[in-house]
Amino acid sequence: MSAADYVLNEERSSFALCRPPGHHAGKDYAGGYCFINNAAVAAHFLSAHGRVALLDVDYHCGNGTQDIFYHREDVLS
């Protein structure tokens, strides 16, 4: 949320390094030691202010992030 707030108030982009990344946590489940999908929380917050693109740079799919935003057009994931 700090990185999201930074983007809203000061910069065009921001970077947050979170462990665990959370990208396996979906709408209603945890997975791969991910309990809260940090990037999804920030993207949802930022989507109230415009379109958001979420880039998951990892070796494998962030299935939780995909699950959360699959039917939404305001967040590109």
PDB file of N, CA and C in Angstrom:
ATOM      1  N   MET A   1       0.818  -1.182   0.000  1.00  0.00           N
ATOM      2  CA  MET A   1       0.000   0.000   0.000  1.00  0.00           C
ATOM      3  C   MET A   1       0.869   1.256   0.000  1.00  0.00           C
ATOM      4  N   SER A   2       2.037   1.169   0.594  1.00  0.00           N
ATOM      5  CA  SER A   2       2.942   2.322   0.576  1.00  0.00           C
ATOM      6  C   SER A   2       3.365   2.654  -0.847  1.00  0.00           C
ATOM      7  N   ALA A   3       3.681   1.631  -1.632  1.00  0.00           N
ATOM      8  CA  ALA A   3       4.074   1.857  -3.024  1.00  0.00           C
ATOM      9  C   ALA A   3       2.909   2.426  -3.829  1.00  0.00           C
ATOM     10  N   ALA A   4       1.699   1.936  -3.580  1.00  0.00           N
ATOM     11  CA  ALA A   4       0.516   2.446  -4.277  1.00  0.00           C
ATOM     12  C   ALA A   4       0.268   3.898  -3.905  1.00  0.00           C
ATOM     13  N   ASP A   5       0.375   4.210  -2.641  1.00  0.00           N
ATOM     14  CA  ASP A   5       0.176   5.587  -2.186  1.00  0.00           C
ATOM     15  C   ASP A   5       1.230   6.512  -2.772  1.00  0.00           C
ATOM     16  N   TYR A   6       2.453   6.038  -2.887  1.00  0.00           N
ATOM     17  CA  TYR A   6       3.548   6.819  -3.457  1.00  0.00           C
ATOM     18  C   TYR A   6       3.230   7.200  -4.908  1.00  0.00           C
ATOM     19  N   VAL A   7       2.682   6.237  -5.661  1.00  0.00           N
ATOM     20  CA  VAL A   7       2.315   6.493  -7.056  1.00  0.00           C
ATOM     21  C   VAL A   7       1.195   7.528  -7.140  1.00  0.00           C
ATOM     22  N   LEU A   8       0.231   7.423  -6.268  1.00  0.00           N
ATOM     23  CA  LEU A   8      -0.888   8.369  -6.301  1.00  0.00           C
ATOM     24  C   LEU A   8      -0.462   9.790  -5.964  1.00  0.00           C
ATOM     25  N   ASN A   9       0.538   9.920  -5.127  1.00  0.00           N
ATOM     26  CA  ASN A   9       0.896  11.255  -4.641  1.00  0.00           C
ATOM     27  C   ASN A   9       2.159  11.866  -5.218  1.00  0.00           C
ATOM     28  N   GLU A  10       3.089  11.037  -5.721  1.00  0.00           N
ATOM     29  CA  GLU A  10       4.362  11.631  -6.101  1.00  0.00           C
ATOM     30  C   GLU A  10       4.960  11.150  -7.413  1.00  0.00           C
ATOM     31  N   GLU A  11       4.851   9.887  -7.727  1.00  0.00           N
ATOM     32  CA  GLU A  11       5.585   9.325  -8.859  1.00  0.00           C
ATOM     33  C   GLU A  11       4.669   8.600  -9.835  1.00  0.00           C
ATOM     34  N   ARG A  12       5.140   8.386 -11.061  1.00  0.00           N
ATOM     35  CA  ARG A  12       4.385   7.643 -12.076  1.00  0.00           C
ATOM     36  C   ARG A  12       4.478   6.138 -11.874  1.00  0.00           C
ATOM     37  N   SER A  13       5.538   5.679 -11.227  1.00  0.00           N
ATOM     38  CA  SER A  13       5.707   4.246 -10.994  1.00  0.00           C
ATOM     39  C   SER A  13       6.345   4.034  -9.631  1.00  0.00           C
ATOM     40  N   SER A  14       6.255   2.794  -9.178  1.00  0.00           N
ATOM     41  CA  SER A  14       6.814   2.449  -7.884  1.00  0.00           C
ATOM     42  C   SER A  14       7.148   0.966  -7.877  1.00  0.00           C
ATOM     43  N   PHE A  15       7.969   0.547  -6.943  1.00  0.00           N
ATOM     44  CA  PHE A  15       8.374  -0.849  -6.835  1.00  0.00           C
ATOM     45  C   PHE A  15       8.256  -1.266  -5.376  1.00  0.00           C
ATOM     46  N   ALA A  16       7.630  -2.406  -5.161  1.00  0.00           N
ATOM     47  CA  ALA A  16       7.537  -2.949  -3.809  1.00  0.00           C
ATOM     48  C   ALA A  16       8.054  -4.386  -3.839  1.00  0.00           C
ATOM     49  N   LEU A  17       8.970  -4.689  -2.973  1.00  0.00           N
ATOM     50  CA  LEU A  17       9.503  -6.043  -2.861  1.00  0.00           C
ATOM     51  C   LEU A  17       8.870  -6.681  -1.637  1.00  0.00           C
ATOM     52  N   CYS A  18       8.046  -7.696  -1.875  1.00  0.00           N
ATOM     53  CA  CYS A  18       7.279  -8.335  -0.792  1.00  0.00           C
ATOM     54  C   CYS A  18       7.566  -9.827  -0.754  1.00  0.00           C
ATOM     55  N   ARG A  19       7.750 -10.360   0.444  1.00  0.00           N
ATOM     56  CA  ARG A  19       7.933 -11.801   0.628  1.00  0.00           C
ATOM     57  C   ARG A  19       6.968 -12.289   1.676  1.00  0.00           C
ATOM     58  N   PRO A  20       6.190 -13.301   1.443  1.00  0.00           N
ATOM     59  CA  PRO A  20       5.999 -13.931   0.139  1.00  0.00           C
ATOM     60  C   PRO A  20       5.243 -12.985  -0.789  1.00  0.00           C
ATOM     61  N   PRO A  21       5.368 -13.200  -2.097  1.00  0.00           N
ATOM     62  CA  PRO A  21       4.784 -12.255  -3.047  1.00  0.00           C
ATOM     63  C   PRO A  21       3.263 -12.217  -3.012  1.00  0.00           C
ATOM     64  N   GLY A  22       2.643 -13.299  -2.658  1.00  0.00           N
ATOM     65  CA  GLY A  22       1.194 -13.311  -2.549  1.00  0.00           C
ATOM     66  C   GLY A  22       0.458 -13.689  -3.805  1.00  0.00           C
ATOM     67  N   HIS A  23       1.168 -13.893  -4.902  1.00  0.00           N
ATOM     68  CA  HIS A  23       0.476 -14.094  -6.176  1.00  0.00           C
ATOM     69  C   HIS A  23      -0.250 -15.429  -6.301  1.00  0.00           C
ATOM     70  N   HIS A  24      -0.120 -16.287  -5.311  1.00  0.00           N
ATOM     71  CA  HIS A  24      -0.891 -17.545  -5.317  1.00  0.00           C
ATOM     72  C   HIS A  24      -2.160 -17.437  -4.478  1.00  0.00           C
ATOM     73  N   ALA A  25      -2.345 -16.348  -3.773  1.00  0.00           N
ATOM     74  CA  ALA A  25      -3.567 -16.136  -2.988  1.00  0.00           C
ATOM     75  C   ALA A  25      -4.653 -15.592  -3.905  1.00  0.00           C
ATOM     76  N   GLY A  26      -5.766 -16.305  -3.961  1.00  0.00           N
ATOM     77  CA  GLY A  26      -6.871 -15.895  -4.827  1.00  0.00           C
ATOM     78  C   GLY A  26      -7.977 -15.208  -4.061  1.00  0.00           C
ATOM     79  N   LYS A  27      -9.137 -15.129  -4.705  1.00  0.00           N
ATOM     80  CA  LYS A  27     -10.291 -14.455  -4.091  1.00  0.00           C
ATOM     81  C   LYS A  27     -10.674 -15.074  -2.761  1.00  0.00           C
ATOM     82  N   ASP A  28     -10.659 -16.390  -2.717  1.00  0.00           N
ATOM     83  CA  ASP A  28     -11.156 -17.065  -1.519  1.00  0.00           C
ATOM     84  C   ASP A  28     -10.268 -18.242  -1.101  1.00  0.00           C
ATOM     85  N   TYR A  29      -8.990 -18.170  -1.411  1.00  0.00           N
ATOM     86  CA  TYR A  29      -8.080 -19.245  -1.018  1.00  0.00           C
ATOM     87  C   TYR A  29      -6.645 -18.736  -0.890  1.00  0.00           C
ATOM     88  N   ALA A  30      -5.870 -19.446  -0.085  1.00  0.00           N
ATOM     89  CA  ALA A  30      -4.437 -19.203   0.039  1.00  0.00           C
ATOM     90  C   ALA A  30      -3.724 -20.330  -0.694  1.00  0.00           C
ATOM     91  N   GLY A  31      -2.502 -20.097  -1.099  1.00  0.00           N
ATOM     92  CA  GLY A  31      -1.744 -21.136  -1.778  1.00  0.00           C
ATOM     93  C   GLY A  31      -0.281 -20.771  -1.847  1.00  0.00           C
ATOM     94  N   GLY A  32       0.597 -21.780  -1.875  1.00  0.00           N
ATOM     95  CA  GLY A  32       2.030 -21.542  -2.028  1.00  0.00           C
ATOM     96  C   GLY A  32       2.602 -20.603  -0.977  1.00  0.00           C
ATOM     97  N   TYR A  33       2.164 -20.710   0.269  1.00  0.00           N
ATOM     98  CA  TYR A  33       2.575 -19.842   1.369  1.00  0.00           C
ATOM     99  C   TYR A  33       2.119 -18.400   1.198  1.00  0.00           C
ATOM    100  N   CYS A  34       1.191 -18.156   0.274  1.00  0.00           N
ATOM    101  CA  CYS A  34       0.654 -16.815   0.050  1.00  0.00           C
ATOM    102  C   CYS A  34      -0.727 -16.722   0.702  1.00  0.00           C
ATOM    103  N   PHE A  35      -0.876 -15.788   1.620  1.00  0.00           N
ATOM    104  CA  PHE A  35      -2.135 -15.612   2.326  1.00  0.00           C
ATOM    105  C   PHE A  35      -2.843 -14.330   1.900  1.00  0.00           C
ATOM    106  N   ILE A  36      -2.079 -13.301   1.580  1.00  0.00           N
ATOM    107  CA  ILE A  36      -2.620 -12.033   1.082  1.00  0.00           C
ATOM    108  C   ILE A  36      -1.907 -11.718  -0.218  1.00  0.00           C
ATOM    109  N   ASN A  37      -2.674 -11.425  -1.258  1.00  0.00           N
ATOM    110  CA  ASN A  37      -2.101 -11.083  -2.548  1.00  0.00           C
ATOM    111  C   ASN A  37      -1.784  -9.585  -2.545  1.00  0.00           C
ATOM    112  N   ASN A  38      -0.563  -9.259  -2.151  1.00  0.00           N
ATOM    113  CA  ASN A  38      -0.138  -7.870  -1.972  1.00  0.00           C
ATOM    114  C   ASN A  38      -0.354  -7.021  -3.218  1.00  0.00           C
ATOM    115  N   ALA A  39       0.049  -7.522  -4.352  1.00  0.00           N
ATOM    116  CA  ALA A  39      -0.083  -6.769  -5.600  1.00  0.00           C
ATOM    117  C   ALA A  39      -1.544  -6.574  -5.973  1.00  0.00           C
ATOM    118  N   ALA A  40      -2.376  -7.574  -5.719  1.00  0.00           N
ATOM    119  CA  ALA A  40      -3.804  -7.456  -6.034  1.00  0.00           C
ATOM    120  C   ALA A  40      -4.479  -6.418  -5.146  1.00  0.00           C
ATOM    121  N   VAL A  41      -4.089  -6.368  -3.884  1.00  0.00           N
ATOM    122  CA  VAL A  41      -4.645  -5.357  -2.980  1.00  0.00           C
ATOM    123  C   VAL A  41      -4.301  -3.963  -3.491  1.00  0.00           C
ATOM    124  N   ALA A  42      -3.043  -3.748  -3.842  1.00  0.00           N
ATOM    125  CA  ALA A  42      -2.612  -2.444  -4.356  1.00  0.00           C
ATOM    126  C   ALA A  42      -3.276  -2.123  -5.687  1.00  0.00           C
ATOM    127  N   ALA A  43      -3.366  -3.098  -6.584  1.00  0.00           N
ATOM    128  CA  ALA A  43      -3.992  -2.862  -7.892  1.00  0.00           C
ATOM    129  C   ALA A  43      -5.471  -2.524  -7.738  1.00  0.00           C
ATOM    130  N   HIS A  44      -6.149  -3.216  -6.839  1.00  0.00           N
ATOM    131  CA  HIS A  44      -7.567  -2.917  -6.594  1.00  0.00           C
ATOM    132  C   HIS A  44      -7.724  -1.489  -6.070  1.00  0.00           C
ATOM    133  N   PHE A  45      -6.888  -1.101  -5.141  1.00  0.00           N
ATOM    134  CA  PHE A  45      -6.906   0.256  -4.594  1.00  0.00           C
ATOM    135  C   PHE A  45      -6.659   1.294  -5.693  1.00  0.00           C
ATOM    136  N   LEU A  46      -5.653   1.052  -6.524  1.00  0.00           N
ATOM    137  CA  LEU A  46      -5.308   1.999  -7.582  1.00  0.00           C
ATOM    138  C   LEU A  46      -6.362   2.047  -8.692  1.00  0.00           C
ATOM    139  N   SER A  47      -7.094   0.962  -8.887  1.00  0.00           N
ATOM    140  CA  SER A  47      -8.090   0.917  -9.962  1.00  0.00           C
ATOM    141  C   SER A  47      -9.216   1.929  -9.748  1.00  0.00           C
ATOM    142  N   ALA A  48      -9.406   2.400  -8.544  1.00  0.00           N
ATOM    143  CA  ALA A  48     -10.406   3.435  -8.279  1.00  0.00           C
ATOM    144  C   ALA A  48      -9.979   4.777  -8.878  1.00  0.00           C
ATOM    145  N   HIS A  49      -8.701   4.865  -9.278  1.00  0.00           N
ATOM    146  CA  HIS A  49      -8.156   6.109  -9.816  1.00  0.00           C
ATOM    147  C   HIS A  49      -7.817   6.009 -11.299  1.00  0.00           C
ATOM    148  N   GLY A  50      -8.123   4.882 -11.938  1.00  0.00           N
ATOM    149  CA  GLY A  50      -7.830   4.694 -13.357  1.00  0.00           C
ATOM    150  C   GLY A  50      -7.420   3.259 -13.631  1.00  0.00           C
ATOM    151  N   ARG A  51      -7.074   3.004 -14.890  1.00  0.00           N
ATOM    152  CA  ARG A  51      -6.669   1.647 -15.279  1.00  0.00           C
ATOM    153  C   ARG A  51      -5.317   1.304 -14.696  1.00  0.00           C
ATOM    154  N   VAL A  52      -5.138   0.026 -14.398  1.00  0.00           N
ATOM    155  CA  VAL A  52      -3.916  -0.460 -13.743  1.00  0.00           C
ATOM    156  C   VAL A  52      -3.382  -1.647 -14.534  1.00  0.00           C
ATOM    157  N   ALA A  53      -2.072  -1.716 -14.669  1.00  0.00           N
ATOM    158  CA  ALA A  53      -1.416  -2.894 -15.237  1.00  0.00           C
ATOM    159  C   ALA A  53      -0.575  -3.520 -14.139  1.00  0.00           C
ATOM    160  N   LEU A  54      -0.729  -4.814 -13.962  1.00  0.00           N
ATOM    161  CA  LEU A  54      -0.010  -5.543 -12.921  1.00  0.00           C
ATOM    162  C   LEU A  54       0.913  -6.537 -13.612  1.00  0.00           C
ATOM    163  N   LEU A  55       2.204  -6.395 -13.398  1.00  0.00           N
ATOM    164  CA  LEU A  55       3.202  -7.263 -14.023  1.00  0.00           C
ATOM    165  C   LEU A  55       3.795  -8.184 -12.963  1.00  0.00           C
ATOM    166  N   ASP A  56       3.594  -9.478 -13.139  1.00  0.00           N
ATOM    167  CA  ASP A  56       4.112 -10.490 -12.220  1.00  0.00           C
ATOM    168  C   ASP A  56       5.339 -11.125 -12.874  1.00  0.00           C
ATOM    169  N   VAL A  57       6.513 -10.737 -12.410  1.00  0.00           N
ATOM    170  CA  VAL A  57       7.757 -11.252 -12.977  1.00  0.00           C
ATOM    171  C   VAL A  57       8.215 -12.423 -12.121  1.00  0.00           C
ATOM    172  N   ASP A  58       7.841 -13.602 -12.550  1.00  0.00           N
ATOM    173  CA  ASP A  58       8.176 -14.808 -11.813  1.00  0.00           C
ATOM    174  C   ASP A  58       8.269 -15.946 -12.818  1.00  0.00           C
ATOM    175  N   TYR A  59       8.866 -17.025 -12.405  1.00  0.00           N
ATOM    176  CA  TYR A  59       9.071 -18.165 -13.291  1.00  0.00           C
ATOM    177  C   TYR A  59       7.761 -18.870 -13.644  1.00  0.00           C
ATOM    178  N   HIS A  60       6.795 -18.821 -12.752  1.00  0.00           N
ATOM    179  CA  HIS A  60       5.537 -19.523 -12.969  1.00  0.00           C
ATOM    180  C   HIS A  60       4.358 -18.571 -12.788  1.00  0.00           C
ATOM    181  N   CYS A  61       3.214 -19.016 -13.191  1.00  0.00           N
ATOM    182  CA  CYS A  61       1.992 -18.207 -13.190  1.00  0.00           C
ATOM    183  C   CYS A  61       1.551 -17.828 -11.783  1.00  0.00           C
ATOM    184  N   GLY A  62       1.144 -16.589 -11.619  1.00  0.00           N
ATOM    185  CA  GLY A  62       0.517 -16.136 -10.378  1.00  0.00           C
ATOM    186  C   GLY A  62      -0.969 -16.423 -10.455  1.00  0.00           C
ATOM    187  N   ASN A  63      -1.345 -17.653 -10.195  1.00  0.00           N
ATOM    188  CA  ASN A  63      -2.728 -18.085 -10.393  1.00  0.00           C
ATOM    189  C   ASN A  63      -3.727 -17.315  -9.535  1.00  0.00           C
ATOM    190  N   GLY A  64      -3.334 -16.858  -8.371  1.00  0.00           N
ATOM    191  CA  GLY A  64      -4.237 -16.083  -7.530  1.00  0.00           C
ATOM    192  C   GLY A  64      -4.551 -14.733  -8.145  1.00  0.00           C
ATOM    193  N   THR A  65      -3.536 -14.061  -8.650  1.00  0.00           N
ATOM    194  CA  THR A  65      -3.732 -12.769  -9.303  1.00  0.00           C
ATOM    195  C   THR A  65      -4.622 -12.931 -10.520  1.00  0.00           C
ATOM    196  N   GLN A  66      -4.378 -13.961 -11.299  1.00  0.00           N
ATOM    197  CA  GLN A  66      -5.210 -14.229 -12.478  1.00  0.00           C
ATOM    198  C   GLN A  66      -6.659 -14.472 -12.057  1.00  0.00           C
ATOM    199  N   ASP A  67      -6.868 -15.244 -11.001  1.00  0.00           N
ATOM    200  CA  ASP A  67      -8.205 -15.537 -10.501  1.00  0.00           C
ATOM    201  C   ASP A  67      -8.931 -14.260 -10.076  1.00  0.00           C
ATOM    202  N   ILE A  68      -8.245 -13.388  -9.391  1.00  0.00           N
ATOM    203  CA  ILE A  68      -8.865 -12.167  -8.866  1.00  0.00           C
ATOM    204  C   ILE A  68      -9.292 -11.224  -9.980  1.00  0.00           C
ATOM    205  N   PHE A  69      -8.465 -11.065 -11.004  1.00  0.00           N
ATOM    206  CA  PHE A  69      -8.739 -10.050 -12.028  1.00  0.00           C
ATOM    207  C   PHE A  69      -9.225 -10.607 -13.365  1.00  0.00           C
ATOM    208  N   TYR A  70      -9.486 -11.885 -13.445  1.00  0.00           N
ATOM    209  CA  TYR A  70      -9.840 -12.515 -14.721  1.00  0.00           C
ATOM    210  C   TYR A  70     -11.048 -11.867 -15.396  1.00  0.00           C
ATOM    211  N   HIS A  71     -12.060 -11.523 -14.639  1.00  0.00           N
ATOM    212  CA  HIS A  71     -13.282 -10.954 -15.216  1.00  0.00           C
ATOM    213  C   HIS A  71     -13.365  -9.437 -15.059  1.00  0.00           C
ATOM    214  N   ARG A  72     -12.283  -8.810 -14.735  1.00  0.00           N
ATOM    215  CA  ARG A  72     -12.277  -7.353 -14.559  1.00  0.00           C
ATOM    216  C   ARG A  72     -11.517  -6.705 -15.711  1.00  0.00           C
ATOM    217  N   GLU A  73     -12.042  -5.603 -16.200  1.00  0.00           N
ATOM    218  CA  GLU A  73     -11.397  -4.896 -17.302  1.00  0.00           C
ATOM    219  C   GLU A  73     -10.593  -3.690 -16.825  1.00  0.00           C
ATOM    220  N   ASP A  74     -10.682  -3.353 -15.549  1.00  0.00           N
ATOM    221  CA  ASP A  74      -9.985  -2.181 -15.042  1.00  0.00           C
ATOM    222  C   ASP A  74      -8.563  -2.481 -14.575  1.00  0.00           C
ATOM    223  N   VAL A  75      -8.217  -3.775 -14.509  1.00  0.00           N
ATOM    224  CA  VAL A  75      -6.853  -4.178 -14.128  1.00  0.00           C
ATOM    225  C   VAL A  75      -6.332  -5.169 -15.150  1.00  0.00           C
ATOM    226  N   LEU A  76      -5.267  -4.804 -15.823  1.00  0.00           N
ATOM    227  CA  LEU A  76      -4.623  -5.686 -16.797  1.00  0.00           C
ATOM    228  C   LEU A  76      -3.612  -6.537 -16.043  1.00  0.00           C
ATOM    229  N   SER A  77      -3.816  -7.854 -16.054  1.00  0.00           N
ATOM    230  CA  SER A  77      -2.886  -8.722 -15.326  1.00  0.00           C
ATOM    231  C   SER A  77      -2.451  -9.885 -16.183  1.00  0.00           C
TER     232      SER A  77
END
